[in-house]
Amino acid sequence: MKKSLSLLFLFSCFCLFSCKDDTPNSNAYIPSGPVSLVINTDLPEYYHLKTPGTYIYQPGGNRGVIVIHDFDDKYLTIERTCSLEPDKACAKIYVDSSSLNLRCGGFNNTLWLPCCDSRFTYNGWVYQGPAQYPLRTYNTTLSGSVITIRN
């Protein structure tokens, strides 16, 4: 019995450690940029962020960031560079408030022009491809009514 368990354990270890993860780092292709923001939600220009489902665009990162107060009452900060072909000029992320997700593309006046037309959830995970990797997120903390974002 001990011999069988030992063999099973060794086989399991062999299988576990011999598997190679070929999945690249999900953020490896998104260029990084400095992010250092402090947002006081008691100030009039940020007061709306106290309501879940709201967001603001802010400078920082590679192409800017989106600070989101999600429906789980958590704050997230997401890079505005799409994870699919991030070097393309059109690979910028915008909030689609009608469908409550993030989209890759841009606007020409009021007309939406898709880039790769990938869609992401409010936490940056791929909702609809062709993108396969999530968006870069930044460390976001809330202390009282002050949101601090750093990378």
C-alpha atoms as a PDB file:
ATOM      1  CA  MET A   1       0.000   0.000   0.000  1.00  0.00           C
ATOM      2  CA  LYS A   2       2.799   2.422   0.929  1.00  0.00           C
ATOM      3  CA  LYS A   3       4.627   1.552  -2.271  1.00  0.00           C
ATOM      4  CA  SER A   4       1.508   2.283  -4.353  1.00  0.00           C
ATOM      5  CA  LEU A   5       0.975   5.633  -2.629  1.00  0.00           C
ATOM      6  CA  SER A   6       4.638   6.529  -3.075  1.00  0.00           C
ATOM      7  CA  LEU A   7       4.497   5.703  -6.771  1.00  0.00           C
ATOM      8  CA  LEU A   8       1.288   7.670  -7.179  1.00  0.00           C
ATOM      9  CA  PHE A   9       2.859  10.639  -5.382  1.00  0.00           C
ATOM     10  CA  LEU A  10       6.005  10.500  -7.543  1.00  0.00           C
ATOM     11  CA  PHE A  11       3.945  10.197 -10.732  1.00  0.00           C
ATOM     12  CA  SER A  12       1.789  13.169  -9.690  1.00  0.00           C
ATOM     13  CA  CYS A  13       4.871  15.273  -8.938  1.00  0.00           C
ATOM     14  CA  PHE A  14       6.442  14.297 -12.253  1.00  0.00           C
ATOM     15  CA  CYS A  15       3.309  15.298 -14.151  1.00  0.00           C
ATOM     16  CA  LEU A  16       2.924  18.546 -12.238  1.00  0.00           C
ATOM     17  CA  PHE A  17       6.499  19.729 -12.660  1.00  0.00           C
ATOM     18  CA  SER A  18       7.038  18.479 -16.199  1.00  0.00           C
ATOM     19  CA  CYS A  19       4.170  20.534 -17.618  1.00  0.00           C
ATOM     20  CA  LYS A  20       5.353  23.688 -19.279  1.00  0.00           C
ATOM     21  CA  ASP A  21       3.139  26.738 -19.269  1.00  0.00           C
ATOM     22  CA  ASP A  22       3.390  28.238 -22.757  1.00  0.00           C
ATOM     23  CA  THR A  23       0.946  31.013 -21.917  1.00  0.00           C
ATOM     24  CA  PRO A  24       2.787  34.331 -22.106  1.00  0.00           C
ATOM     25  CA  ASN A  25       2.370  36.874 -19.344  1.00  0.00           C
ATOM     26  CA  SER A  26      -1.009  38.481 -19.975  1.00  0.00           C
ATOM     27  CA  ASN A  27       0.462  41.968 -19.617  1.00  0.00           C
ATOM     28  CA  ALA A  28       3.740  41.276 -21.433  1.00  0.00           C
ATOM     29  CA  TYR A  29       2.587  42.902 -24.650  1.00  0.00           C
ATOM     30  CA  ILE A  30       1.064  46.027 -23.113  1.00  0.00           C
ATOM     31  CA  PRO A  31       3.697  48.733 -22.708  1.00  0.00           C
ATOM     32  CA  SER A  32       3.831  50.007 -19.154  1.00  0.00           C
ATOM     33  CA  GLY A  33       3.970  53.600 -18.069  1.00  0.00           C
ATOM     34  CA  PRO A  34       4.129  55.401 -14.741  1.00  0.00           C
ATOM     35  CA  VAL A  35       0.929  55.651 -12.735  1.00  0.00           C
ATOM     36  CA  SER A  36       0.756  57.673  -9.534  1.00  0.00           C
ATOM     37  CA  LEU A  37      -2.665  59.152  -8.802  1.00  0.00           C
ATOM     38  CA  VAL A  38      -4.469  60.291  -5.672  1.00  0.00           C
ATOM     39  CA  ILE A  39      -8.187  60.982  -6.091  1.00  0.00           C
ATOM     40  CA  ASN A  40     -10.266  62.476  -3.296  1.00  0.00           C
ATOM     41  CA  THR A  41     -13.888  61.453  -3.925  1.00  0.00           C
ATOM     42  CA  ASP A  42     -15.088  64.230  -1.591  1.00  0.00           C
ATOM     43  CA  LEU A  43     -14.048  66.798  -4.214  1.00  0.00           C
ATOM     44  CA  PRO A  44     -16.863  67.882  -6.575  1.00  0.00           C
ATOM     45  CA  GLU A  45     -15.132  66.666  -9.764  1.00  0.00           C
ATOM     46  CA  TYR A  46     -14.753  63.141  -8.335  1.00  0.00           C
ATOM     47  CA  TYR A  47     -17.832  62.898  -6.107  1.00  0.00           C
ATOM     48  CA  HIS A  48     -19.746  60.800  -8.670  1.00  0.00           C
ATOM     49  CA  LEU A  49     -17.138  58.021  -8.188  1.00  0.00           C
ATOM     50  CA  LYS A  50     -18.782  57.163  -4.864  1.00  0.00           C
ATOM     51  CA  THR A  51     -21.604  55.527  -6.854  1.00  0.00           C
ATOM     52  CA  PRO A  52     -20.974  51.950  -8.085  1.00  0.00           C
ATOM     53  CA  GLY A  53     -20.914  51.674 -11.880  1.00  0.00           C
ATOM     54  CA  THR A  54     -19.171  55.012 -12.435  1.00  0.00           C
ATOM     55  CA  TYR A  55     -15.748  55.697 -13.952  1.00  0.00           C
ATOM     56  CA  ILE A  56     -13.335  58.420 -15.018  1.00  0.00           C
ATOM     57  CA  TYR A  57     -10.520  58.614 -17.540  1.00  0.00           C
ATOM     58  CA  GLN A  58      -7.214  59.785 -16.070  1.00  0.00           C
ATOM     59  CA  PRO A  59      -3.692  60.389 -17.376  1.00  0.00           C
ATOM     60  CA  GLY A  60      -0.938  57.878 -16.648  1.00  0.00           C
ATOM     61  CA  GLY A  61       0.153  54.486 -17.836  1.00  0.00           C
ATOM     62  CA  ASN A  62       0.741  54.015 -21.549  1.00  0.00           C
ATOM     63  CA  ARG A  63      -2.426  55.581 -23.057  1.00  0.00           C
ATOM     64  CA  GLY A  64      -4.163  56.702 -19.902  1.00  0.00           C
ATOM     65  CA  VAL A  65      -6.142  54.753 -17.324  1.00  0.00           C
ATOM     66  CA  ILE A  66      -9.771  54.210 -16.403  1.00  0.00           C
ATOM     67  CA  VAL A  67     -10.662  54.349 -12.717  1.00  0.00           C
ATOM     68  CA  ILE A  68     -13.814  52.276 -12.195  1.00  0.00           C
ATOM     69  CA  HIS A  69     -16.060  51.914  -9.167  1.00  0.00           C
ATOM     70  CA  ASP A  70     -17.438  48.487  -9.985  1.00  0.00           C
ATOM     71  CA  PHE A  71     -20.739  46.974  -8.931  1.00  0.00           C
ATOM     72  CA  ASP A  72     -19.011  44.939  -6.195  1.00  0.00           C
ATOM     73  CA  ASP A  73     -18.203  48.293  -4.527  1.00  0.00           C
ATOM     74  CA  LYS A  74     -14.485  47.987  -5.349  1.00  0.00           C
ATOM     75  CA  TYR A  75     -12.255  50.431  -7.174  1.00  0.00           C
ATOM     76  CA  LEU A  76     -10.175  49.240 -10.131  1.00  0.00           C
ATOM     77  CA  THR A  77      -7.725  51.019 -12.378  1.00  0.00           C
ATOM     78  CA  ILE A  78      -7.267  49.639 -15.875  1.00  0.00           C
ATOM     79  CA  GLU A  79      -4.792  50.567 -18.607  1.00  0.00           C
ATOM     80  CA  ARG A  80      -6.419  51.997 -21.725  1.00  0.00           C
ATOM     81  CA  THR A  81      -4.122  50.054 -24.084  1.00  0.00           C
ATOM     82  CA  CYS A  82      -5.705  46.984 -25.674  1.00  0.00           C
ATOM     83  CA  SER A  83      -3.959  43.662 -25.083  1.00  0.00           C
ATOM     84  CA  LEU A  84      -4.280  42.715 -28.777  1.00  0.00           C
ATOM     85  CA  GLU A  85      -1.794  44.591 -30.973  1.00  0.00           C
ATOM     86  CA  PRO A  86      -1.151  47.322 -28.385  1.00  0.00           C
ATOM     87  CA  ASP A  87       1.153  49.247 -30.735  1.00  0.00           C
ATOM     88  CA  LYS A  88      -1.657  50.061 -33.177  1.00  0.00           C
ATOM     89  CA  ALA A  89      -2.727  53.688 -32.925  1.00  0.00           C
ATOM     90  CA  CYS A  90      -6.396  52.703 -32.622  1.00  0.00           C
ATOM     91  CA  ALA A  91      -5.849  50.114 -29.823  1.00  0.00           C
ATOM     92  CA  LYS A  92      -7.362  52.261 -27.088  1.00  0.00           C
ATOM     93  CA  ILE A  93      -9.940  51.180 -24.525  1.00  0.00           C
ATOM     94  CA  TYR A  94     -13.179  53.062 -23.900  1.00  0.00           C
ATOM     95  CA  VAL A  95     -16.069  52.376 -21.564  1.00  0.00           C
ATOM     96  CA  ASP A  96     -19.269  51.306 -23.305  1.00  0.00           C
ATOM     97  CA  SER A  97     -21.765  52.340 -20.636  1.00  0.00           C
ATOM     98  CA  SER A  98     -24.715  51.003 -22.642  1.00  0.00           C
ATOM     99  CA  SER A  99     -23.444  47.426 -22.378  1.00  0.00           C
ATOM    100  CA  LEU A 100     -21.367  47.855 -19.186  1.00  0.00           C
ATOM    101  CA  ASN A 101     -18.102  46.696 -20.700  1.00  0.00           C
ATOM    102  CA  LEU A 102     -14.849  48.042 -22.131  1.00  0.00           C
ATOM    103  CA  ARG A 103     -14.210  48.168 -25.882  1.00  0.00           C
ATOM    104  CA  CYS A 104     -11.197  48.545 -28.140  1.00  0.00           C
ATOM    105  CA  GLY A 105     -11.563  51.272 -30.726  1.00  0.00           C
ATOM    106  CA  GLY A 106     -12.349  54.946 -30.851  1.00  0.00           C
ATOM    107  CA  PHE A 107     -14.744  57.659 -31.882  1.00  0.00           C
ATOM    108  CA  ASN A 108     -14.875  59.809 -34.998  1.00  0.00           C
ATOM    109  CA  ASN A 109     -17.132  62.581 -33.753  1.00  0.00           C
ATOM    110  CA  THR A 110     -19.958  60.437 -32.347  1.00  0.00           C
ATOM    111  CA  LEU A 111     -19.455  57.423 -34.623  1.00  0.00           C
ATOM    112  CA  TRP A 112     -17.819  54.359 -32.992  1.00  0.00           C
ATOM    113  CA  LEU A 113     -14.943  52.916 -35.020  1.00  0.00           C
ATOM    114  CA  PRO A 114     -13.787  49.499 -33.781  1.00  0.00           C
ATOM    115  CA  CYS A 115     -10.088  48.684 -33.804  1.00  0.00           C
ATOM    116  CA  CYS A 116     -10.000  44.972 -32.995  1.00  0.00           C
ATOM    117  CA  ASP A 117     -13.456  45.319 -31.416  1.00  0.00           C
ATOM    118  CA  SER A 118     -12.523  43.173 -28.425  1.00  0.00           C
ATOM    119  CA  ARG A 119     -14.682  43.629 -25.368  1.00  0.00           C
ATOM    120  CA  PHE A 120     -13.597  43.367 -21.759  1.00  0.00           C
ATOM    121  CA  THR A 121     -15.451  43.199 -18.456  1.00  0.00           C
ATOM    122  CA  TYR A 122     -15.178  46.058 -15.973  1.00  0.00           C
ATOM    123  CA  ASN A 123     -12.315  44.202 -14.256  1.00  0.00           C
ATOM    124  CA  GLY A 124     -10.329  43.929 -17.517  1.00  0.00           C
ATOM    125  CA  TRP A 125     -10.950  40.280 -18.419  1.00  0.00           C
ATOM    126  CA  VAL A 126     -11.709  39.361 -22.031  1.00  0.00           C
ATOM    127  CA  TYR A 127     -15.452  39.161 -22.633  1.00  0.00           C
ATOM    128  CA  GLN A 128     -15.341  38.833 -26.427  1.00  0.00           C
ATOM    129  CA  GLY A 129     -12.263  38.346 -28.679  1.00  0.00           C
ATOM    130  CA  PRO A 130     -10.168  38.449 -30.737  1.00  0.00           C
ATOM    131  CA  ALA A 131      -8.048  39.602 -27.750  1.00  0.00           C
ATOM    132  CA  GLN A 132      -6.989  36.645 -25.625  1.00  0.00           C
ATOM    133  CA  TYR A 133      -5.363  38.365 -22.660  1.00  0.00           C
ATOM    134  CA  PRO A 134      -6.777  40.678 -20.001  1.00  0.00           C
ATOM    135  CA  LEU A 135      -5.970  44.359 -19.754  1.00  0.00           C
ATOM    136  CA  ARG A 136      -3.221  45.611 -17.442  1.00  0.00           C
ATOM    137  CA  THR A 137      -4.502  46.673 -14.029  1.00  0.00           C
ATOM    138  CA  TYR A 138      -2.844  48.905 -11.455  1.00  0.00           C
ATOM    139  CA  ASN A 139      -2.730  48.701  -7.678  1.00  0.00           C
ATOM    140  CA  THR A 140      -5.747  50.648  -6.410  1.00  0.00           C
ATOM    141  CA  THR A 141      -6.541  51.242  -2.734  1.00  0.00           C
ATOM    142  CA  LEU A 142      -9.267  53.146  -0.924  1.00  0.00           C
ATOM    143  CA  SER A 143      -8.668  54.819   2.418  1.00  0.00           C
ATOM    144  CA  GLY A 144     -11.670  56.775   3.629  1.00  0.00           C
ATOM    145  CA  SER A 145     -12.644  58.737   0.557  1.00  0.00           C
ATOM    146  CA  VAL A 146      -9.176  58.818  -1.048  1.00  0.00           C
ATOM    147  CA  ILE A 147      -8.319  56.472  -3.924  1.00  0.00           C
ATOM    148  CA  THR A 148      -4.601  55.874  -4.427  1.00  0.00           C
ATOM    149  CA  ILE A 149      -3.309  54.309  -7.634  1.00  0.00           C
ATOM    150  CA  ARG A 150       0.289  53.179  -8.134  1.00  0.00           C
ATOM    151  CA  ASN A 151       2.302  50.805 -10.266  1.00  0.00           C
END
